[in-house]
């Protein structure tokens, strides 16, 4: 299948790393399972562009917002109480926003695959 015809390409802001990770992870799924996976995964994943916006808001307005968004509540509270670890942590998150999004998305791939394979999503 041509990569441009792949249903995985319908995800907004998909990076080449995420695409190859998803291709490996979804190998062996039936077409129906792949559709179900995409439906579940697309609702859980974070677009790297959106993550950049969250990081910038976290830098200038609400320290730790980006950490709360990706489910790292403890780090979010720490950033909130320390002004983004004296702005250094927030600046690092702005620079590494793609990595934050990709790591979060990897966890969501695993969760989504578990739901689809266990038959928890029909």
PDB file of N, CA and C in Angstrom:
ATOM      1  N   UNK A   1       0.846  -1.182   0.000  1.00  0.00           N
ATOM      2  CA  UNK A   1       0.000   0.000   0.000  1.00  0.00           C
ATOM      3  C   UNK A   1       0.886   1.238   0.000  1.00  0.00           C
ATOM      4  N   UNK A   2       0.536   2.173  -0.840  1.00  0.00           N
ATOM      5  CA  UNK A   2       1.249   3.441  -0.928  1.00  0.00           C
ATOM      6  C   UNK A   2       1.030   4.222   0.369  1.00  0.00           C
ATOM      7  N   UNK A   3       2.104   4.868   0.882  1.00  0.00           N
ATOM      8  CA  UNK A   3       1.975   5.571   2.165  1.00  0.00           C
ATOM      9  C   UNK A   3       0.962   6.699   2.098  1.00  0.00           C
ATOM     10  N   UNK A   4       0.746   7.277   0.920  1.00  0.00           N
ATOM     11  CA  UNK A   4      -0.207   8.373   0.803  1.00  0.00           C
ATOM     12  C   UNK A   4      -1.645   7.873   0.804  1.00  0.00           C
ATOM     13  N   UNK A   5      -1.842   6.584   0.560  1.00  0.00           N
ATOM     14  CA  UNK A   5      -3.176   5.995   0.610  1.00  0.00           C
ATOM     15  C   UNK A   5      -3.449   5.353   1.969  1.00  0.00           C
ATOM     16  N   UNK A   6      -2.463   5.316   2.814  1.00  0.00           N
ATOM     17  CA  UNK A   6      -2.622   4.697   4.122  1.00  0.00           C
ATOM     18  C   UNK A   6      -3.600   5.500   4.972  1.00  0.00           C
ATOM     19  N   UNK A   7      -4.502   4.821   5.680  1.00  0.00           N
ATOM     20  CA  UNK A   7      -5.426   5.549   6.558  1.00  0.00           C
ATOM     21  C   UNK A   7      -4.697   6.279   7.694  1.00  0.00           C
ATOM     22  N   UNK A   8      -3.474   5.866   7.987  1.00  0.00           N
ATOM     23  CA  UNK A   8      -2.702   6.528   9.039  1.00  0.00           C
ATOM     24  C   UNK A   8      -2.350   7.958   8.657  1.00  0.00           C
ATOM     25  N   UNK A   9      -2.277   8.244   7.367  1.00  0.00           N
ATOM     26  CA  UNK A   9      -1.930   9.587   6.908  1.00  0.00           C
ATOM     27  C   UNK A   9      -3.057  10.592   7.158  1.00  0.00           C
ATOM     28  N   UNK A  10      -4.231  10.103   7.539  1.00  0.00           N
ATOM     29  CA  UNK A  10      -5.348  11.014   7.812  1.00  0.00           C
ATOM     30  C   UNK A  10      -5.203  11.722   9.162  1.00  0.00           C
ATOM     31  N   UNK A  11      -4.239  11.278   9.977  1.00  0.00           N
ATOM     32  CA  UNK A  11      -4.030  11.920  11.276  1.00  0.00           C
ATOM     33  C   UNK A  11      -3.366  13.274  11.073  1.00  0.00           C
ATOM     34  N   UNK A  12      -3.922  14.329  11.646  1.00  0.00           N
ATOM     35  CA  UNK A  12      -3.345  15.668  11.449  1.00  0.00           C
ATOM     36  C   UNK A  12      -1.975  15.809  12.104  1.00  0.00           C
ATOM     37  N   UNK A  13      -1.022  16.372  11.368  1.00  0.00           N
ATOM     38  CA  UNK A  13       0.300  16.646  11.918  1.00  0.00           C
ATOM     39  C   UNK A  13       1.147  15.421  12.176  1.00  0.00           C
ATOM     40  N   UNK A  14       0.862  14.321  11.498  1.00  0.00           N
ATOM     41  CA  UNK A  14       1.629  13.090  11.741  1.00  0.00           C
ATOM     42  C   UNK A  14       3.057  13.270  11.246  1.00  0.00           C
ATOM     43  N   UNK A  15       4.010  12.865  12.071  1.00  0.00           N
ATOM     44  CA  UNK A  15       5.417  12.957  11.712  1.00  0.00           C
ATOM     45  C   UNK A  15       5.875  11.633  11.106  1.00  0.00           C
ATOM     46  N   UNK A  16       6.976  11.628  10.382  1.00  0.00           N
ATOM     47  CA  UNK A  16       7.483  10.364   9.827  1.00  0.00           C
ATOM     48  C   UNK A  16       7.778   9.321  10.917  1.00  0.00           C
ATOM     49  N   UNK A  17       8.278   9.777  12.070  1.00  0.00           N
ATOM     50  CA  UNK A  17       8.578   8.844  13.170  1.00  0.00           C
ATOM     51  C   UNK A  17       7.293   8.199  13.680  1.00  0.00           C
ATOM     52  N   UNK A  18       6.260   9.020  13.863  1.00  0.00           N
ATOM     53  CA  UNK A  18       4.986   8.493  14.347  1.00  0.00           C
ATOM     54  C   UNK A  18       4.368   7.555  13.318  1.00  0.00           C
ATOM     55  N   UNK A  19       4.468   7.923  12.034  1.00  0.00           N
ATOM     56  CA  UNK A  19       3.912   7.075  10.977  1.00  0.00           C
ATOM     57  C   UNK A  19       4.564   5.697  10.975  1.00  0.00           C
ATOM     58  N   UNK A  20       5.902   5.666  11.039  1.00  0.00           N
ATOM     59  CA  UNK A  20       6.582   4.368  11.019  1.00  0.00           C
ATOM     60  C   UNK A  20       6.280   3.568  12.287  1.00  0.00           C
ATOM     61  N   UNK A  21       6.157   4.255  13.426  1.00  0.00           N
ATOM     62  CA  UNK A  21       5.803   3.573  14.680  1.00  0.00           C
ATOM     63  C   UNK A  21       4.400   2.965  14.573  1.00  0.00           C
ATOM     64  N   UNK A  22       3.474   3.732  14.017  1.00  0.00           N
ATOM     65  CA  UNK A  22       2.107   3.238  13.863  1.00  0.00           C
ATOM     66  C   UNK A  22       2.031   2.085  12.869  1.00  0.00           C
ATOM     67  N   UNK A  23       2.818   2.173  11.788  1.00  0.00           N
ATOM     68  CA  UNK A  23       2.827   1.074  10.816  1.00  0.00           C
ATOM     69  C   UNK A  23       3.272  -0.224  11.477  1.00  0.00           C
ATOM     70  N   UNK A  24       4.335  -0.144  12.275  1.00  0.00           N
ATOM     71  CA  UNK A  24       4.816  -1.341  12.966  1.00  0.00           C
ATOM     72  C   UNK A  24       3.789  -1.846  13.968  1.00  0.00           C
ATOM     73  N   UNK A  25       3.195  -0.924  14.717  1.00  0.00           N
ATOM     74  CA  UNK A  25       2.270  -1.312  15.778  1.00  0.00           C
ATOM     75  C   UNK A  25       0.985  -1.926  15.236  1.00  0.00           C
ATOM     76  N   UNK A  26       0.540  -1.480  14.066  1.00  0.00           N
ATOM     77  CA  UNK A  26      -0.740  -1.955  13.533  1.00  0.00           C
ATOM     78  C   UNK A  26      -0.584  -3.110  12.554  1.00  0.00           C
ATOM     79  N   UNK A  27       0.611  -3.631  12.411  1.00  0.00           N
ATOM     80  CA  UNK A  27       0.821  -4.776  11.536  1.00  0.00           C
ATOM     81  C   UNK A  27       0.008  -5.962  12.063  1.00  0.00           C
ATOM     82  N   UNK A  28      -0.723  -6.584  11.193  1.00  0.00           N
ATOM     83  CA  UNK A  28      -1.504  -7.754  11.582  1.00  0.00           C
ATOM     84  C   UNK A  28      -2.944  -7.447  11.964  1.00  0.00           C
ATOM     85  N   UNK A  29      -3.331  -6.180  11.997  1.00  0.00           N
ATOM     86  CA  UNK A  29      -4.719  -5.845  12.296  1.00  0.00           C
ATOM     87  C   UNK A  29      -5.565  -6.002  11.040  1.00  0.00           C
ATOM     88  N   UNK A  30      -6.787  -6.435  11.225  1.00  0.00           N
ATOM     89  CA  UNK A  30      -7.711  -6.486  10.092  1.00  0.00           C
ATOM     90  C   UNK A  30      -8.112  -5.061   9.740  1.00  0.00           C
ATOM     91  N   UNK A  31      -8.777  -4.913   8.605  1.00  0.00           N
ATOM     92  CA  UNK A  31      -9.189  -3.580   8.173  1.00  0.00           C
ATOM     93  C   UNK A  31     -10.161  -2.954   9.185  1.00  0.00           C
ATOM     94  N   UNK A  32     -11.082  -3.757   9.701  1.00  0.00           N
ATOM     95  CA  UNK A  32     -12.043  -3.256  10.697  1.00  0.00           C
ATOM     96  C   UNK A  32     -11.321  -2.871  11.985  1.00  0.00           C
ATOM     97  N   UNK A  33     -10.375  -3.705  12.426  1.00  0.00           N
ATOM     98  CA  UNK A  33      -9.611  -3.380  13.628  1.00  0.00           C
ATOM     99  C   UNK A  33      -8.803  -2.098  13.428  1.00  0.00           C
ATOM    100  N   UNK A  34      -8.239  -1.905  12.240  1.00  0.00           N
ATOM    101  CA  UNK A  34      -7.474  -0.692  11.956  1.00  0.00           C
ATOM    102  C   UNK A  34      -8.372   0.541  12.010  1.00  0.00           C
ATOM    103  N   UNK A  35      -9.577   0.432  11.460  1.00  0.00           N
ATOM    104  CA  UNK A  35     -10.520   1.558  11.537  1.00  0.00           C
ATOM    105  C   UNK A  35     -10.883   1.866  12.990  1.00  0.00           C
ATOM    106  N   UNK A  36     -11.156   0.813  13.757  1.00  0.00           N
ATOM    107  CA  UNK A  36     -11.472   1.006  15.177  1.00  0.00           C
ATOM    108  C   UNK A  36     -10.286   1.618  15.920  1.00  0.00           C
ATOM    109  N   UNK A  37      -9.080   1.123  15.620  1.00  0.00           N
ATOM    110  CA  UNK A  37      -7.875   1.661  16.246  1.00  0.00           C
ATOM    111  C   UNK A  37      -7.726   3.147  15.947  1.00  0.00           C
ATOM    112  N   UNK A  38      -7.898   3.521  14.676  1.00  0.00           N
ATOM    113  CA  UNK A  38      -7.755   4.930  14.292  1.00  0.00           C
ATOM    114  C   UNK A  38      -8.790   5.807  14.972  1.00  0.00           C
ATOM    115  N   UNK A  39      -9.994   5.290  15.142  1.00  0.00           N
ATOM    116  CA  UNK A  39     -11.036   6.063  15.805  1.00  0.00           C
ATOM    117  C   UNK A  39     -10.659   6.316  17.273  1.00  0.00           C
ATOM    118  N   UNK A  40     -10.191   5.278  17.953  1.00  0.00           N
ATOM    119  CA  UNK A  40      -9.820   5.414  19.359  1.00  0.00           C
ATOM    120  C   UNK A  40      -8.550   6.257  19.495  1.00  0.00           C
ATOM    121  N   UNK A  41      -7.551   5.945  18.701  1.00  0.00           N
ATOM    122  CA  UNK A  41      -6.252   6.622  18.804  1.00  0.00           C
ATOM    123  C   UNK A  41      -6.343   8.099  18.459  1.00  0.00           C
ATOM    124  N   UNK A  42      -7.116   8.441  17.429  1.00  0.00           N
ATOM    125  CA  UNK A  42      -7.190   9.848  17.024  1.00  0.00           C
ATOM    126  C   UNK A  42      -7.819  10.718  18.101  1.00  0.00           C
ATOM    127  N   UNK A  43      -8.659  10.127  18.942  1.00  0.00           N
ATOM    128  CA  UNK A  43      -9.260  10.917  20.023  1.00  0.00           C
ATOM    129  C   UNK A  43      -8.298  11.103  21.195  1.00  0.00           C
ATOM    130  N   UNK A  44      -7.267  10.251  21.285  1.00  0.00           N
ATOM    131  CA  UNK A  44      -6.342  10.309  22.415  1.00  0.00           C
ATOM    132  C   UNK A  44      -5.019  10.995  22.092  1.00  0.00           C
ATOM    133  N   UNK A  45      -4.634  11.041  20.835  1.00  0.00           N
ATOM    134  CA  UNK A  45      -3.306  11.538  20.477  1.00  0.00           C
ATOM    135  C   UNK A  45      -3.236  13.056  20.549  1.00  0.00           C
ATOM    136  N   UNK A  46      -2.023  13.538  20.682  1.00  0.00           N
ATOM    137  CA  UNK A  46      -1.771  14.977  20.702  1.00  0.00           C
ATOM    138  C   UNK A  46      -0.967  15.349  19.465  1.00  0.00           C
ATOM    139  N   UNK A  47      -1.446  16.343  18.759  1.00  0.00           N
ATOM    140  CA  UNK A  47      -0.765  16.857  17.583  1.00  0.00           C
ATOM    141  C   UNK A  47       0.452  17.665  18.047  1.00  0.00           C
ATOM    142  N   UNK A  48       1.626  17.465  17.457  1.00  0.00           N
ATOM    143  CA  UNK A  48       2.803  18.240  17.867  1.00  0.00           C
ATOM    144  C   UNK A  48       2.612  19.757  17.773  1.00  0.00           C
ATOM    145  N   UNK A  49       1.831  20.221  16.807  1.00  0.00           N
ATOM    146  CA  UNK A  49       1.568  21.659  16.693  1.00  0.00           C
ATOM    147  C   UNK A  49       0.745  22.161  17.875  1.00  0.00           C
ATOM    148  N   UNK A  50      -0.233  21.369  18.277  1.00  0.00           N
ATOM    149  CA  UNK A  50      -1.030  21.730  19.451  1.00  0.00           C
ATOM    150  C   UNK A  50      -0.161  21.715  20.709  1.00  0.00           C
ATOM    151  N   UNK A  51       0.739  20.747  20.779  1.00  0.00           N
ATOM    152  CA  UNK A  51       1.624  20.652  21.945  1.00  0.00           C
ATOM    153  C   UNK A  51       2.514  21.899  22.045  1.00  0.00           C
ATOM    154  N   UNK A  52       2.950  22.422  20.910  1.00  0.00           N
ATOM    155  CA  UNK A  52       3.744  23.656  20.920  1.00  0.00           C
ATOM    156  C   UNK A  52       2.929  24.809  21.507  1.00  0.00           C
ATOM    157  N   UNK A  53       1.677  24.889  21.120  1.00  0.00           N
ATOM    158  CA  UNK A  53       0.808  25.943  21.665  1.00  0.00           C
ATOM    159  C   UNK A  53       0.646  25.771  23.172  1.00  0.00           C
ATOM    160  N   UNK A  54       0.419  24.535  23.621  1.00  0.00           N
ATOM    161  CA  UNK A  54       0.286  24.292  25.063  1.00  0.00           C
ATOM    162  C   UNK A  54       1.570  24.664  25.804  1.00  0.00           C
ATOM    163  N   UNK A  55       2.715  24.347  25.209  1.00  0.00           N
ATOM    164  CA  UNK A  55       4.000  24.671  25.838  1.00  0.00           C
ATOM    165  C   UNK A  55       4.207  26.184  25.927  1.00  0.00           C
ATOM    166  N   UNK A  56       3.824  26.903  24.896  1.00  0.00           N
ATOM    167  CA  UNK A  56       3.959  28.363  24.924  1.00  0.00           C
ATOM    168  C   UNK A  56       3.024  28.984  25.963  1.00  0.00           C
ATOM    169  N   UNK A  57       1.813  28.462  26.058  1.00  0.00           N
ATOM    170  CA  UNK A  57       0.899  28.937  27.097  1.00  0.00           C
ATOM    171  C   UNK A  57       1.471  28.596  28.472  1.00  0.00           C
ATOM    172  N   UNK A  58       2.078  27.401  28.578  1.00  0.00           N
ATOM    173  CA  UNK A  58       2.715  27.011  29.826  1.00  0.00           C
ATOM    174  C   UNK A  58       3.898  27.893  30.178  1.00  0.00           C
ATOM    175  N   UNK A  59       4.584  28.398  29.190  1.00  0.00           N
ATOM    176  CA  UNK A  59       5.736  29.270  29.430  1.00  0.00           C
ATOM    177  C   UNK A  59       5.300  30.660  29.868  1.00  0.00           C
ATOM    178  N   UNK A  60       4.262  31.198  29.228  1.00  0.00           N
ATOM    179  CA  UNK A  60       3.893  32.596  29.471  1.00  0.00           C
ATOM    180  C   UNK A  60       2.703  32.800  30.407  1.00  0.00           C
ATOM    181  N   UNK A  61       1.834  31.806  30.576  1.00  0.00           N
ATOM    182  CA  UNK A  61       0.610  32.048  31.350  1.00  0.00           C
ATOM    183  C   UNK A  61       0.406  31.056  32.502  1.00  0.00           C
ATOM    184  N   UNK A  62       0.301  29.793  32.188  1.00  0.00           N
ATOM    185  CA  UNK A  62      -0.021  28.773  33.186  1.00  0.00           C
ATOM    186  C   UNK A  62       1.093  27.725  33.204  1.00  0.00           C
ATOM    187  N   UNK A  63       2.086  27.896  34.080  1.00  0.00           N
ATOM    188  CA  UNK A  63       3.193  26.925  34.112  1.00  0.00           C
ATOM    189  C   UNK A  63       2.685  25.500  34.334  1.00  0.00           C
ATOM    190  N   UNK A  64       3.166  24.584  33.512  1.00  0.00           N
ATOM    191  CA  UNK A  64       2.812  23.181  33.651  1.00  0.00           C
ATOM    192  C   UNK A  64       1.608  22.739  32.858  1.00  0.00           C
ATOM    193  N   UNK A  65       0.963  23.657  32.132  1.00  0.00           N
ATOM    194  CA  UNK A  65      -0.229  23.291  31.359  1.00  0.00           C
ATOM    195  C   UNK A  65       0.055  22.107  30.438  1.00  0.00           C
ATOM    196  N   UNK A  66       1.194  22.138  29.759  1.00  0.00           N
ATOM    197  CA  UNK A  66       1.539  21.066  28.826  1.00  0.00           C
ATOM    198  C   UNK A  66       1.659  19.720  29.533  1.00  0.00           C
ATOM    199  N   UNK A  67       2.122  19.726  30.761  1.00  0.00           N
ATOM    200  CA  UNK A  67       2.250  18.475  31.521  1.00  0.00           C
ATOM    201  C   UNK A  67       0.882  17.954  31.961  1.00  0.00           C
ATOM    202  N   UNK A  68      -0.020  18.863  32.342  1.00  0.00           N
ATOM    203  CA  UNK A  68      -1.379  18.442  32.686  1.00  0.00           C
ATOM    204  C   UNK A  68      -2.073  17.843  31.466  1.00  0.00           C
ATOM    205  N   UNK A  69      -1.888  18.456  30.300  1.00  0.00           N
ATOM    206  CA  UNK A  69      -2.542  18.010  29.059  1.00  0.00           C
ATOM    207  C   UNK A  69      -2.131  16.581  28.706  1.00  0.00           C
ATOM    208  N   UNK A  70      -0.863  16.229  28.910  1.00  0.00           N
ATOM    209  CA  UNK A  70      -0.410  14.878  28.538  1.00  0.00           C
ATOM    210  C   UNK A  70      -0.517  13.887  29.698  1.00  0.00           C
ATOM    211  N   UNK A  71      -1.168  14.310  30.773  1.00  0.00           N
ATOM    212  CA  UNK A  71      -1.453  13.373  31.859  1.00  0.00           C
ATOM    213  C   UNK A  71      -0.377  13.247  32.920  1.00  0.00           C
ATOM    214  N   UNK A  72       0.628  14.109  32.885  1.00  0.00           N
ATOM    215  CA  UNK A  72       1.678  14.077  33.905  1.00  0.00           C
ATOM    216  C   UNK A  72       1.300  15.068  35.013  1.00  0.00           C
ATOM    217  N   UNK A  73       0.348  14.676  35.832  1.00  0.00           N
ATOM    218  CA  UNK A  73      -0.230  15.561  36.834  1.00  0.00           C
ATOM    219  C   UNK A  73       0.807  15.999  37.868  1.00  0.00           C
ATOM    220  N   UNK A  74       1.633  15.078  38.330  1.00  0.00           N
ATOM    221  CA  UNK A  74       2.659  15.418  39.318  1.00  0.00           C
ATOM    222  C   UNK A  74       3.637  16.464  38.792  1.00  0.00           C
ATOM    223  N   UNK A  75       4.107  16.268  37.577  1.00  0.00           N
ATOM    224  CA  UNK A  75       5.015  17.248  36.970  1.00  0.00           C
ATOM    225  C   UNK A  75       4.293  18.572  36.730  1.00  0.00           C
ATOM    226  N   UNK A  76       3.028  18.518  36.381  1.00  0.00           N
ATOM    227  CA  UNK A  76       2.252  19.734  36.178  1.00  0.00           C
ATOM    228  C   UNK A  76       2.144  20.550  37.455  1.00  0.00           C
ATOM    229  N   UNK A  77       1.899  19.872  38.562  1.00  0.00           N
ATOM    230  CA  UNK A  77       1.827  20.563  39.859  1.00  0.00           C
ATOM    231  C   UNK A  77       3.190  21.133  40.223  1.00  0.00           C
ATOM    232  N   UNK A  78       4.247  20.357  39.987  1.00  0.00           N
ATOM    233  CA  UNK A  78       5.599  20.844  40.272  1.00  0.00           C
ATOM    234  C   UNK A  78       5.914  22.095  39.444  1.00  0.00           C
ATOM    235  N   UNK A  79       5.604  22.063  38.156  1.00  0.00           N
ATOM    236  CA  UNK A  79       5.823  23.233  37.298  1.00  0.00           C
ATOM    237  C   UNK A  79       4.994  24.417  37.798  1.00  0.00           C
ATOM    238  N   UNK A  80       3.747  24.149  38.184  1.00  0.00           N
ATOM    239  CA  UNK A  80       2.865  25.220  38.640  1.00  0.00           C
ATOM    240  C   UNK A  80       3.413  25.885  39.901  1.00  0.00           C
ATOM    241  N   UNK A  81       3.911  25.087  40.832  1.00  0.00           N
ATOM    242  CA  UNK A  81       4.412  25.623  42.104  1.00  0.00           C
ATOM    243  C   UNK A  81       5.792  26.259  41.998  1.00  0.00           C
ATOM    244  N   UNK A  82       6.559  25.905  40.972  1.00  0.00           N
ATOM    245  CA  UNK A  82       7.928  26.433  40.843  1.00  0.00           C
ATOM    246  C   UNK A  82       8.084  27.345  39.627  1.00  0.00           C
ATOM    247  N   UNK A  83       6.965  27.848  39.112  1.00  0.00           N
ATOM    248  CA  UNK A  83       6.977  28.710  37.922  1.00  0.00           C
ATOM    249  C   UNK A  83       7.733  28.049  36.773  1.00  0.00           C
ATOM    250  N   UNK A  84       7.329  26.827  36.480  1.00  0.00           N
ATOM    251  CA  UNK A  84       7.947  26.097  35.363  1.00  0.00           C
ATOM    252  C   UNK A  84       9.390  25.761  35.632  1.00  0.00           C
ATOM    253  N   UNK A  85       9.677  25.393  36.906  1.00  0.00           N
ATOM    254  CA  UNK A  85      11.055  25.131  37.352  1.00  0.00           C
ATOM    255  C   UNK A  85      11.935  26.319  36.988  1.00  0.00           C
ATOM    256  N   UNK A  86      11.472  27.490  37.464  1.00  0.00           N
ATOM    257  CA  UNK A  86      12.153  28.776  37.198  1.00  0.00           C
ATOM    258  C   UNK A  86      12.304  29.025  35.692  1.00  0.00           C
ATOM    259  N   UNK A  87      11.270  28.712  34.946  1.00  0.00           N
ATOM    260  CA  UNK A  87      11.172  28.896  33.495  1.00  0.00           C
ATOM    261  C   UNK A  87      12.069  27.955  32.692  1.00  0.00           C
ATOM    262  N   UNK A  88      13.062  27.352  33.302  1.00  0.00           N
ATOM    263  CA  UNK A  88      13.984  26.484  32.564  1.00  0.00           C
ATOM    264  C   UNK A  88      13.255  25.253  32.025  1.00  0.00           C
ATOM    265  N   UNK A  89      12.460  24.602  32.865  1.00  0.00           N
ATOM    266  CA  UNK A  89      11.710  23.423  32.430  1.00  0.00           C
ATOM    267  C   UNK A  89      10.725  23.757  31.326  1.00  0.00           C
ATOM    268  N   UNK A  90      10.079  24.908  31.444  1.00  0.00           N
ATOM    269  CA  UNK A  90       9.112  25.308  30.417  1.00  0.00           C
ATOM    270  C   UNK A  90       9.797  25.598  29.088  1.00  0.00           C
ATOM    271  N   UNK A  91      10.973  26.222  29.140  1.00  0.00           N
ATOM    272  CA  UNK A  91      11.727  26.499  27.914  1.00  0.00           C
ATOM    273  C   UNK A  91      12.169  25.191  27.257  1.00  0.00           C
ATOM    274  N   UNK A  92      12.621  24.254  28.071  1.00  0.00           N
ATOM    275  CA  UNK A  92      13.021  22.947  27.542  1.00  0.00           C
ATOM    276  C   UNK A  92      11.833  22.239  26.901  1.00  0.00           C
ATOM    277  N   UNK A  93      10.660  22.348  27.523  1.00  0.00           N
ATOM    278  CA  UNK A  93       9.465  21.735  26.945  1.00  0.00           C
ATOM    279  C   UNK A  93       9.085  22.375  25.612  1.00  0.00           C
ATOM    280  N   UNK A  94       9.272  23.683  25.472  1.00  0.00           N
ATOM    281  CA  UNK A  94       8.991  24.343  24.189  1.00  0.00           C
ATOM    282  C   UNK A  94       9.910  23.776  23.106  1.00  0.00           C
ATOM    283  N   UNK A  95      11.186  23.625  23.451  1.00  0.00           N
ATOM    284  CA  UNK A  95      12.154  23.095  22.484  1.00  0.00           C
ATOM    285  C   UNK A  95      11.839  21.636  22.138  1.00  0.00           C
ATOM    286  N   UNK A  96      11.413  20.869  23.138  1.00  0.00           N
ATOM    287  CA  UNK A  96      11.171  19.427  22.955  1.00  0.00           C
ATOM    288  C   UNK A  96       9.694  19.090  22.803  1.00  0.00           C
ATOM    289  N   UNK A  97       8.882  20.002  22.288  1.00  0.00           N
ATOM    290  CA  UNK A  97       7.450  19.751  22.197  1.00  0.00           C
ATOM    291  C   UNK A  97       7.107  18.541  21.326  1.00  0.00           C
ATOM    292  N   UNK A  98       7.874  18.300  20.290  1.00  0.00           N
ATOM    293  CA  UNK A  98       7.610  17.137  19.430  1.00  0.00           C
ATOM    294  C   UNK A  98       7.869  15.831  20.171  1.00  0.00           C
ATOM    295  N   UNK A  99       8.918  15.826  20.990  1.00  0.00           N
ATOM    296  CA  UNK A  99       9.231  14.636  21.779  1.00  0.00           C
ATOM    297  C   UNK A  99       8.148  14.383  22.822  1.00  0.00           C
ATOM    298  N   UNK A 100       7.673  15.435  23.471  1.00  0.00           N
ATOM    299  CA  UNK A 100       6.587  15.281  24.449  1.00  0.00           C
ATOM    300  C   UNK A 100       5.355  14.675  23.789  1.00  0.00           C
ATOM    301  N   UNK A 101       5.003  15.192  22.622  1.00  0.00           N
ATOM    302  CA  UNK A 101       3.827  14.685  21.912  1.00  0.00           C
ATOM    303  C   UNK A 101       4.047  13.239  21.481  1.00  0.00           C
ATOM    304  N   UNK A 102       5.231  12.916  20.954  1.00  0.00           N
ATOM    305  CA  UNK A 102       5.494  11.560  20.475  1.00  0.00           C
ATOM    306  C   UNK A 102       5.474  10.553  21.619  1.00  0.00           C
ATOM    307  N   UNK A 103       6.072  10.896  22.755  1.00  0.00           N
ATOM    308  CA  UNK A 103       6.070   9.979  23.901  1.00  0.00           C
ATOM    309  C   UNK A 103       4.657   9.748  24.416  1.00  0.00           C
ATOM    310  N   UNK A 104       3.866  10.806  24.470  1.00  0.00           N
ATOM    311  CA  UNK A 104       2.466  10.652  24.884  1.00  0.00           C
ATOM    312  C   UNK A 104       1.723   9.769  23.880  1.00  0.00           C
ATOM    313  N   UNK A 105       1.949  10.025  22.599  1.00  0.00           N
ATOM    314  CA  UNK A 105       1.257   9.262  21.559  1.00  0.00           C
ATOM    315  C   UNK A 105       1.649   7.792  21.569  1.00  0.00           C
ATOM    316  N   UNK A 106       2.905   7.486  21.917  1.00  0.00           N
ATOM    317  CA  UNK A 106       3.310   6.084  22.014  1.00  0.00           C
ATOM    318  C   UNK A 106       2.493   5.356  23.078  1.00  0.00           C
ATOM    319  N   UNK A 107       2.273   6.014  24.210  1.00  0.00           N
ATOM    320  CA  UNK A 107       1.451   5.407  25.267  1.00  0.00           C
ATOM    321  C   UNK A 107       0.019   5.216  24.785  1.00  0.00           C
ATOM    322  N   UNK A 108      -0.481   6.187  24.030  1.00  0.00           N
ATOM    323  CA  UNK A 108      -1.854   6.098  23.534  1.00  0.00           C
ATOM    324  C   UNK A 108      -2.000   5.003  22.472  1.00  0.00           C
ATOM    325  N   UNK A 109      -0.947   4.759  21.690  1.00  0.00           N
ATOM    326  CA  UNK A 109      -0.964   3.653  20.723  1.00  0.00           C
ATOM    327  C   UNK A 109      -1.141   2.342  21.474  1.00  0.00           C
ATOM    328  N   UNK A 110      -0.372   2.153  22.526  1.00  0.00           N
ATOM    329  CA  UNK A 110      -0.458   0.930  23.311  1.00  0.00           C
ATOM    330  C   UNK A 110      -1.858   0.757  23.891  1.00  0.00           C
ATOM    331  N   UNK A 111      -2.406   1.813  24.506  1.00  0.00           N
ATOM    332  CA  UNK A 111      -3.747   1.732  25.090  1.00  0.00           C
ATOM    333  C   UNK A 111      -4.798   1.438  24.026  1.00  0.00           C
ATOM    334  N   UNK A 112      -4.694   2.113  22.893  1.00  0.00           N
ATOM    335  CA  UNK A 112      -5.678   1.928  21.828  1.00  0.00           C
ATOM    336  C   UNK A 112      -5.608   0.520  21.252  1.00  0.00           C
ATOM    337  N   UNK A 113      -4.393   0.011  21.066  1.00  0.00           N
ATOM    338  CA  UNK A 113      -4.242  -1.361  20.565  1.00  0.00           C
ATOM    339  C   UNK A 113      -4.817  -2.372  21.543  1.00  0.00           C
ATOM    340  N   UNK A 114      -4.607  -2.142  22.822  1.00  0.00           N
ATOM    341  CA  UNK A 114      -5.158  -3.051  23.831  1.00  0.00           C
ATOM    342  C   UNK A 114      -6.677  -3.072  23.738  1.00  0.00           C
ATOM    343  N   UNK A 115      -7.290  -1.901  23.593  1.00  0.00           N
ATOM    344  CA  UNK A 115      -8.754  -1.838  23.484  1.00  0.00           C
ATOM    345  C   UNK A 115      -9.256  -2.586  22.252  1.00  0.00           C
ATOM    346  N   UNK A 116      -8.585  -2.382  21.133  1.00  0.00           N
ATOM    347  CA  UNK A 116      -9.040  -3.003  19.882  1.00  0.00           C
ATOM    348  C   UNK A 116      -8.808  -4.511  19.915  1.00  0.00           C
ATOM    349  N   UNK A 117      -7.661  -4.936  20.384  1.00  0.00           N
ATOM    350  CA  UNK A 117      -7.344  -6.379  20.400  1.00  0.00           C
ATOM    351  C   UNK A 117      -8.171  -7.149  21.422  1.00  0.00           C
ATOM    352  N   UNK A 118      -8.507  -6.503  22.530  1.00  0.00           N
ATOM    353  CA  UNK A 118      -9.296  -7.176  23.552  1.00  0.00           C
ATOM    354  C   UNK A 118     -10.772  -7.195  23.178  1.00  0.00           C
ATOM    355  N   UNK A 119     -11.109  -6.487  22.108  1.00  0.00           N
ATOM    356  CA  UNK A 119     -12.498  -6.462  21.677  1.00  0.00           C
ATOM    357  C   UNK A 119     -13.349  -5.507  22.495  1.00  0.00           C
ATOM    358  N   UNK A 120     -12.702  -4.602  23.234  1.00  0.00           N
ATOM    359  CA  UNK A 120     -13.421  -3.649  24.069  1.00  0.00           C
ATOM    360  C   UNK A 120     -14.055  -2.541  23.266  1.00  0.00           C
ATOM    361  N   UNK A 121     -13.787  -2.526  21.969  1.00  0.00           N
ATOM    362  CA  UNK A 121     -14.354  -1.473  21.111  1.00  0.00           C
ATOM    363  C   UNK A 121     -14.963  -2.154  19.906  1.00  0.00           C
ATOM    364  N   UNK A 122     -16.241  -2.050  19.754  1.00  0.00           N
ATOM    365  CA  UNK A 122     -16.925  -2.702  18.625  1.00  0.00           C
ATOM    366  C   UNK A 122     -17.479  -1.684  17.692  1.00  0.00           C
TER     367      UNK A 122
END
